[in-house]
């Protein structure tokens, strides 16, 4: 069983990336030169596309037979099911 991120936040990230690309193309069409701000916008667009790809390909939580696995970019945490005392819902 896998629990992914909310689709709204994942697609919001894709929307931000597309908006950055449109802004870059619009600025290039008007000025025909790349400035430092345009390079910064390209970097942000690449960052948001990479973040969208990561969120789509890596689940947030995964349930195996022996434990929960919480994925993170820097650290993956494994929680044994036997150590869980209960579940709370909001």
N, C-alpha and C. Protein backbone atom coordinates (compact mmCIF):
# COMPACT_ATOMS: atom_id res chain seq x y z
N UNK A 1 0.85 -1.17 0.00
CA UNK A 1 0.00 0.00 0.00
C UNK A 1 0.89 1.23 0.00
N UNK A 2 0.56 2.22 -0.82
CA UNK A 2 1.33 3.44 -0.88
C UNK A 2 0.40 4.63 -0.70
N UNK A 3 0.86 5.60 0.04
CA UNK A 3 0.14 6.86 0.21
C UNK A 3 0.98 7.96 -0.40
N UNK A 4 0.49 8.60 -1.41
CA UNK A 4 1.25 9.65 -2.06
C UNK A 4 0.91 11.02 -1.52
N UNK A 5 1.55 12.01 -2.06
CA UNK A 5 1.23 13.38 -1.70
C UNK A 5 -0.13 13.75 -2.27
N UNK A 6 -0.70 14.81 -1.76
CA UNK A 6 -1.95 15.28 -2.31
C UNK A 6 -1.73 15.69 -3.76
N UNK A 7 -2.65 15.33 -4.61
CA UNK A 7 -2.50 15.65 -6.02
C UNK A 7 -2.51 17.16 -6.25
N UNK A 8 -3.26 17.89 -5.43
CA UNK A 8 -3.33 19.33 -5.63
C UNK A 8 -1.97 19.99 -5.48
N UNK A 9 -1.22 19.62 -4.45
CA UNK A 9 0.09 20.24 -4.26
C UNK A 9 1.09 19.78 -5.32
N UNK A 10 0.97 18.55 -5.77
CA UNK A 10 1.86 18.06 -6.82
C UNK A 10 1.60 18.79 -8.12
N UNK A 11 0.35 18.95 -8.48
CA UNK A 11 0.03 19.65 -9.72
C UNK A 11 0.23 21.16 -9.59
N UNK A 12 0.16 21.69 -8.38
CA UNK A 12 0.50 23.09 -8.17
C UNK A 12 1.97 23.32 -8.48
N UNK A 13 2.82 22.39 -8.08
CA UNK A 13 4.24 22.48 -8.38
C UNK A 13 4.47 22.46 -9.89
N UNK A 14 3.75 21.61 -10.61
CA UNK A 14 3.87 21.58 -12.07
C UNK A 14 3.38 22.89 -12.67
N UNK A 15 2.29 23.43 -12.14
CA UNK A 15 1.78 24.70 -12.64
C UNK A 15 2.76 25.84 -12.45
N UNK A 16 3.43 25.87 -11.30
CA UNK A 16 4.43 26.91 -11.06
C UNK A 16 5.58 26.77 -12.05
N UNK A 17 6.02 25.54 -12.31
CA UNK A 17 7.10 25.33 -13.27
C UNK A 17 6.72 25.79 -14.66
N UNK A 18 5.50 25.50 -15.07
CA UNK A 18 5.04 25.92 -16.40
C UNK A 18 4.95 27.43 -16.48
N UNK A 19 4.48 28.08 -15.42
CA UNK A 19 4.41 29.54 -15.40
C UNK A 19 5.80 30.15 -15.53
N UNK A 20 6.78 29.59 -14.84
CA UNK A 20 8.15 30.10 -14.94
C UNK A 20 8.67 29.96 -16.37
N UNK A 21 8.41 28.83 -17.02
CA UNK A 21 8.87 28.64 -18.40
C UNK A 21 8.20 29.65 -19.33
N UNK A 22 6.91 29.89 -19.14
CA UNK A 22 6.20 30.87 -19.97
C UNK A 22 6.79 32.27 -19.77
N UNK A 23 7.08 32.62 -18.51
CA UNK A 23 7.69 33.93 -18.24
C UNK A 23 9.07 34.05 -18.88
N UNK A 24 9.85 32.98 -18.85
CA UNK A 24 11.18 33.00 -19.49
C UNK A 24 11.04 33.22 -20.99
N UNK A 25 10.14 32.47 -21.62
CA UNK A 25 9.95 32.60 -23.07
C UNK A 25 9.42 33.99 -23.44
N UNK A 26 8.53 34.52 -22.63
CA UNK A 26 7.99 35.86 -22.88
C UNK A 26 9.08 36.91 -22.79
N UNK A 27 9.94 36.80 -21.77
CA UNK A 27 11.04 37.76 -21.62
C UNK A 27 12.06 37.62 -22.74
N UNK A 28 12.33 36.40 -23.18
CA UNK A 28 13.26 36.21 -24.30
C UNK A 28 12.69 36.77 -25.59
N UNK A 29 11.39 36.62 -25.78
CA UNK A 29 10.75 37.14 -26.99
C UNK A 29 10.81 38.67 -27.03
N UNK A 30 10.68 39.30 -25.88
CA UNK A 30 10.70 40.77 -25.83
C UNK A 30 12.10 41.36 -25.89
N UNK A 31 13.07 40.75 -25.22
CA UNK A 31 14.38 41.40 -25.11
C UNK A 31 15.48 40.75 -25.95
N UNK A 32 15.34 39.50 -26.35
CA UNK A 32 16.31 38.76 -27.15
C UNK A 32 17.69 38.66 -26.48
N UNK A 33 17.76 38.83 -25.18
CA UNK A 33 19.02 38.68 -24.46
C UNK A 33 18.74 38.03 -23.11
N UNK A 34 19.70 37.28 -22.64
CA UNK A 34 19.56 36.63 -21.35
C UNK A 34 20.27 37.47 -20.28
N UNK A 35 19.56 37.80 -19.24
CA UNK A 35 20.15 38.49 -18.11
C UNK A 35 20.26 37.56 -16.92
N UNK A 36 20.76 38.06 -15.81
CA UNK A 36 20.92 37.23 -14.63
C UNK A 36 19.56 36.81 -14.07
N UNK A 37 18.55 37.68 -14.21
CA UNK A 37 17.21 37.33 -13.72
C UNK A 37 16.60 36.20 -14.55
N UNK A 38 16.87 36.19 -15.85
CA UNK A 38 16.37 35.11 -16.71
C UNK A 38 17.02 33.77 -16.35
N UNK A 39 18.29 33.80 -16.02
CA UNK A 39 18.98 32.58 -15.63
C UNK A 39 18.44 32.08 -14.29
N UNK A 40 18.15 33.00 -13.37
CA UNK A 40 17.54 32.64 -12.10
C UNK A 40 16.16 32.01 -12.32
N UNK A 41 15.37 32.57 -13.22
CA UNK A 41 14.05 32.02 -13.52
C UNK A 41 14.16 30.63 -14.15
N UNK A 42 15.16 30.41 -15.00
CA UNK A 42 15.37 29.08 -15.57
C UNK A 42 15.72 28.08 -14.47
N UNK A 43 16.55 28.50 -13.53
CA UNK A 43 16.90 27.64 -12.41
C UNK A 43 15.68 27.27 -11.58
N UNK A 44 14.80 28.24 -11.34
CA UNK A 44 13.58 27.96 -10.58
C UNK A 44 12.65 27.02 -11.35
N UNK A 45 12.55 27.20 -12.65
CA UNK A 45 11.71 26.32 -13.46
C UNK A 45 12.23 24.88 -13.42
N UNK A 46 13.55 24.73 -13.53
CA UNK A 46 14.14 23.39 -13.45
C UNK A 46 13.91 22.78 -12.07
N UNK A 47 14.05 23.59 -11.02
CA UNK A 47 13.82 23.11 -9.66
C UNK A 47 12.39 22.59 -9.50
N UNK A 48 11.39 23.37 -9.97
CA UNK A 48 10.01 22.95 -9.81
C UNK A 48 9.66 21.74 -10.67
N UNK A 49 10.25 21.61 -11.87
CA UNK A 49 10.04 20.40 -12.66
C UNK A 49 10.64 19.18 -11.96
N UNK A 50 11.82 19.34 -11.37
CA UNK A 50 12.45 18.23 -10.64
C UNK A 50 11.64 17.86 -9.41
N UNK A 51 11.12 18.86 -8.72
CA UNK A 51 10.30 18.59 -7.54
C UNK A 51 9.02 17.85 -7.93
N UNK A 52 8.38 18.25 -9.02
CA UNK A 52 7.19 17.55 -9.51
C UNK A 52 7.53 16.10 -9.85
N UNK A 53 8.63 15.88 -10.55
CA UNK A 53 9.03 14.52 -10.91
C UNK A 53 9.28 13.67 -9.67
N UNK A 54 9.96 14.24 -8.68
CA UNK A 54 10.25 13.50 -7.46
C UNK A 54 8.96 13.13 -6.73
N UNK A 55 8.02 14.07 -6.63
CA UNK A 55 6.77 13.80 -5.92
C UNK A 55 5.93 12.74 -6.65
N UNK A 56 6.01 12.69 -7.97
CA UNK A 56 5.24 11.69 -8.73
C UNK A 56 5.87 10.30 -8.67
N UNK A 57 7.19 10.22 -8.56
CA UNK A 57 7.85 8.92 -8.64
C UNK A 57 8.13 8.30 -7.27
N UNK A 58 8.17 9.09 -6.20
CA UNK A 58 8.48 8.56 -4.88
C UNK A 58 7.28 8.77 -3.96
N UNK A 59 6.75 7.70 -3.41
CA UNK A 59 5.62 7.85 -2.49
C UNK A 59 6.10 8.43 -1.16
N UNK A 60 5.18 9.00 -0.42
CA UNK A 60 5.52 9.56 0.88
C UNK A 60 5.62 8.47 1.94
N UNK A 61 4.63 7.59 1.97
CA UNK A 61 4.61 6.46 2.90
C UNK A 61 4.37 5.17 2.12
N UNK A 62 5.00 4.11 2.61
CA UNK A 62 4.77 2.80 2.01
C UNK A 62 4.63 1.80 3.14
N UNK A 63 3.66 0.93 3.03
CA UNK A 63 3.40 -0.09 4.05
C UNK A 63 3.87 -1.44 3.52
N UNK A 64 4.83 -2.04 4.22
CA UNK A 64 5.28 -3.38 3.88
C UNK A 64 4.72 -4.34 4.94
N UNK A 65 5.07 -5.61 4.85
CA UNK A 65 4.55 -6.58 5.81
C UNK A 65 5.12 -6.38 7.21
N UNK A 66 6.31 -5.83 7.31
CA UNK A 66 6.94 -5.73 8.62
C UNK A 66 7.03 -4.30 9.17
N UNK A 67 6.97 -3.28 8.30
CA UNK A 67 7.07 -1.92 8.81
C UNK A 67 6.57 -0.88 7.81
N UNK A 68 6.38 0.34 8.36
CA UNK A 68 6.08 1.51 7.55
C UNK A 68 7.41 2.09 7.08
N UNK A 69 7.42 2.61 5.86
CA UNK A 69 8.61 3.27 5.35
C UNK A 69 8.20 4.69 4.99
N UNK A 70 8.85 5.67 5.60
CA UNK A 70 8.60 7.08 5.31
C UNK A 70 9.77 7.58 4.48
N UNK A 71 9.48 7.96 3.23
CA UNK A 71 10.53 8.41 2.33
C UNK A 71 10.74 9.91 2.46
N UNK A 72 11.97 10.31 2.42
CA UNK A 72 12.34 11.72 2.42
C UNK A 72 13.56 11.85 1.52
N UNK A 73 13.84 13.04 1.05
CA UNK A 73 14.97 13.24 0.14
C UNK A 73 16.29 12.91 0.84
N UNK A 74 16.44 13.34 2.08
CA UNK A 74 17.70 13.16 2.78
C UNK A 74 17.77 11.89 3.62
N UNK A 75 16.64 11.45 4.15
CA UNK A 75 16.66 10.31 5.07
C UNK A 75 15.38 9.50 4.92
N UNK A 76 15.51 8.19 4.86
CA UNK A 76 14.38 7.29 4.82
C UNK A 76 14.22 6.65 6.20
N UNK A 77 13.02 6.73 6.76
CA UNK A 77 12.76 6.22 8.10
C UNK A 77 11.91 4.95 8.01
N UNK A 78 12.34 3.92 8.72
CA UNK A 78 11.58 2.67 8.79
C UNK A 78 11.03 2.52 10.21
N UNK A 79 9.72 2.30 10.32
CA UNK A 79 9.07 2.15 11.62
C UNK A 79 8.48 0.74 11.67
N UNK A 80 8.99 -0.11 12.56
CA UNK A 80 8.43 -1.48 12.66
C UNK A 80 6.96 -1.44 13.10
N UNK A 81 6.14 -2.28 12.49
CA UNK A 81 4.71 -2.31 12.82
C UNK A 81 4.50 -2.78 14.25
N UNK A 82 5.36 -3.65 14.76
CA UNK A 82 5.20 -4.14 16.13
C UNK A 82 5.38 -3.03 17.17
N UNK A 83 6.10 -1.97 16.82
CA UNK A 83 6.32 -0.88 17.79
C UNK A 83 5.19 0.14 17.81
N UNK A 84 4.25 0.04 16.88
CA UNK A 84 3.12 0.99 16.86
C UNK A 84 2.12 0.64 17.94
N UNK A 85 1.67 1.65 18.66
CA UNK A 85 0.71 1.42 19.75
C UNK A 85 -0.73 1.66 19.31
N UNK A 86 -0.92 2.49 18.32
CA UNK A 86 -2.27 2.78 17.84
C UNK A 86 -2.24 3.87 16.80
N UNK A 87 -3.39 4.12 16.23
CA UNK A 87 -3.53 5.14 15.21
C UNK A 87 -4.50 6.20 15.69
N UNK A 88 -4.23 7.42 15.36
CA UNK A 88 -5.12 8.52 15.67
C UNK A 88 -5.57 9.18 14.38
N UNK A 89 -6.79 9.57 14.31
CA UNK A 89 -7.29 10.28 13.13
C UNK A 89 -7.78 11.66 13.55
N UNK A 90 -7.66 12.57 12.65
CA UNK A 90 -8.11 13.95 12.93
C UNK A 90 -9.57 14.12 12.66
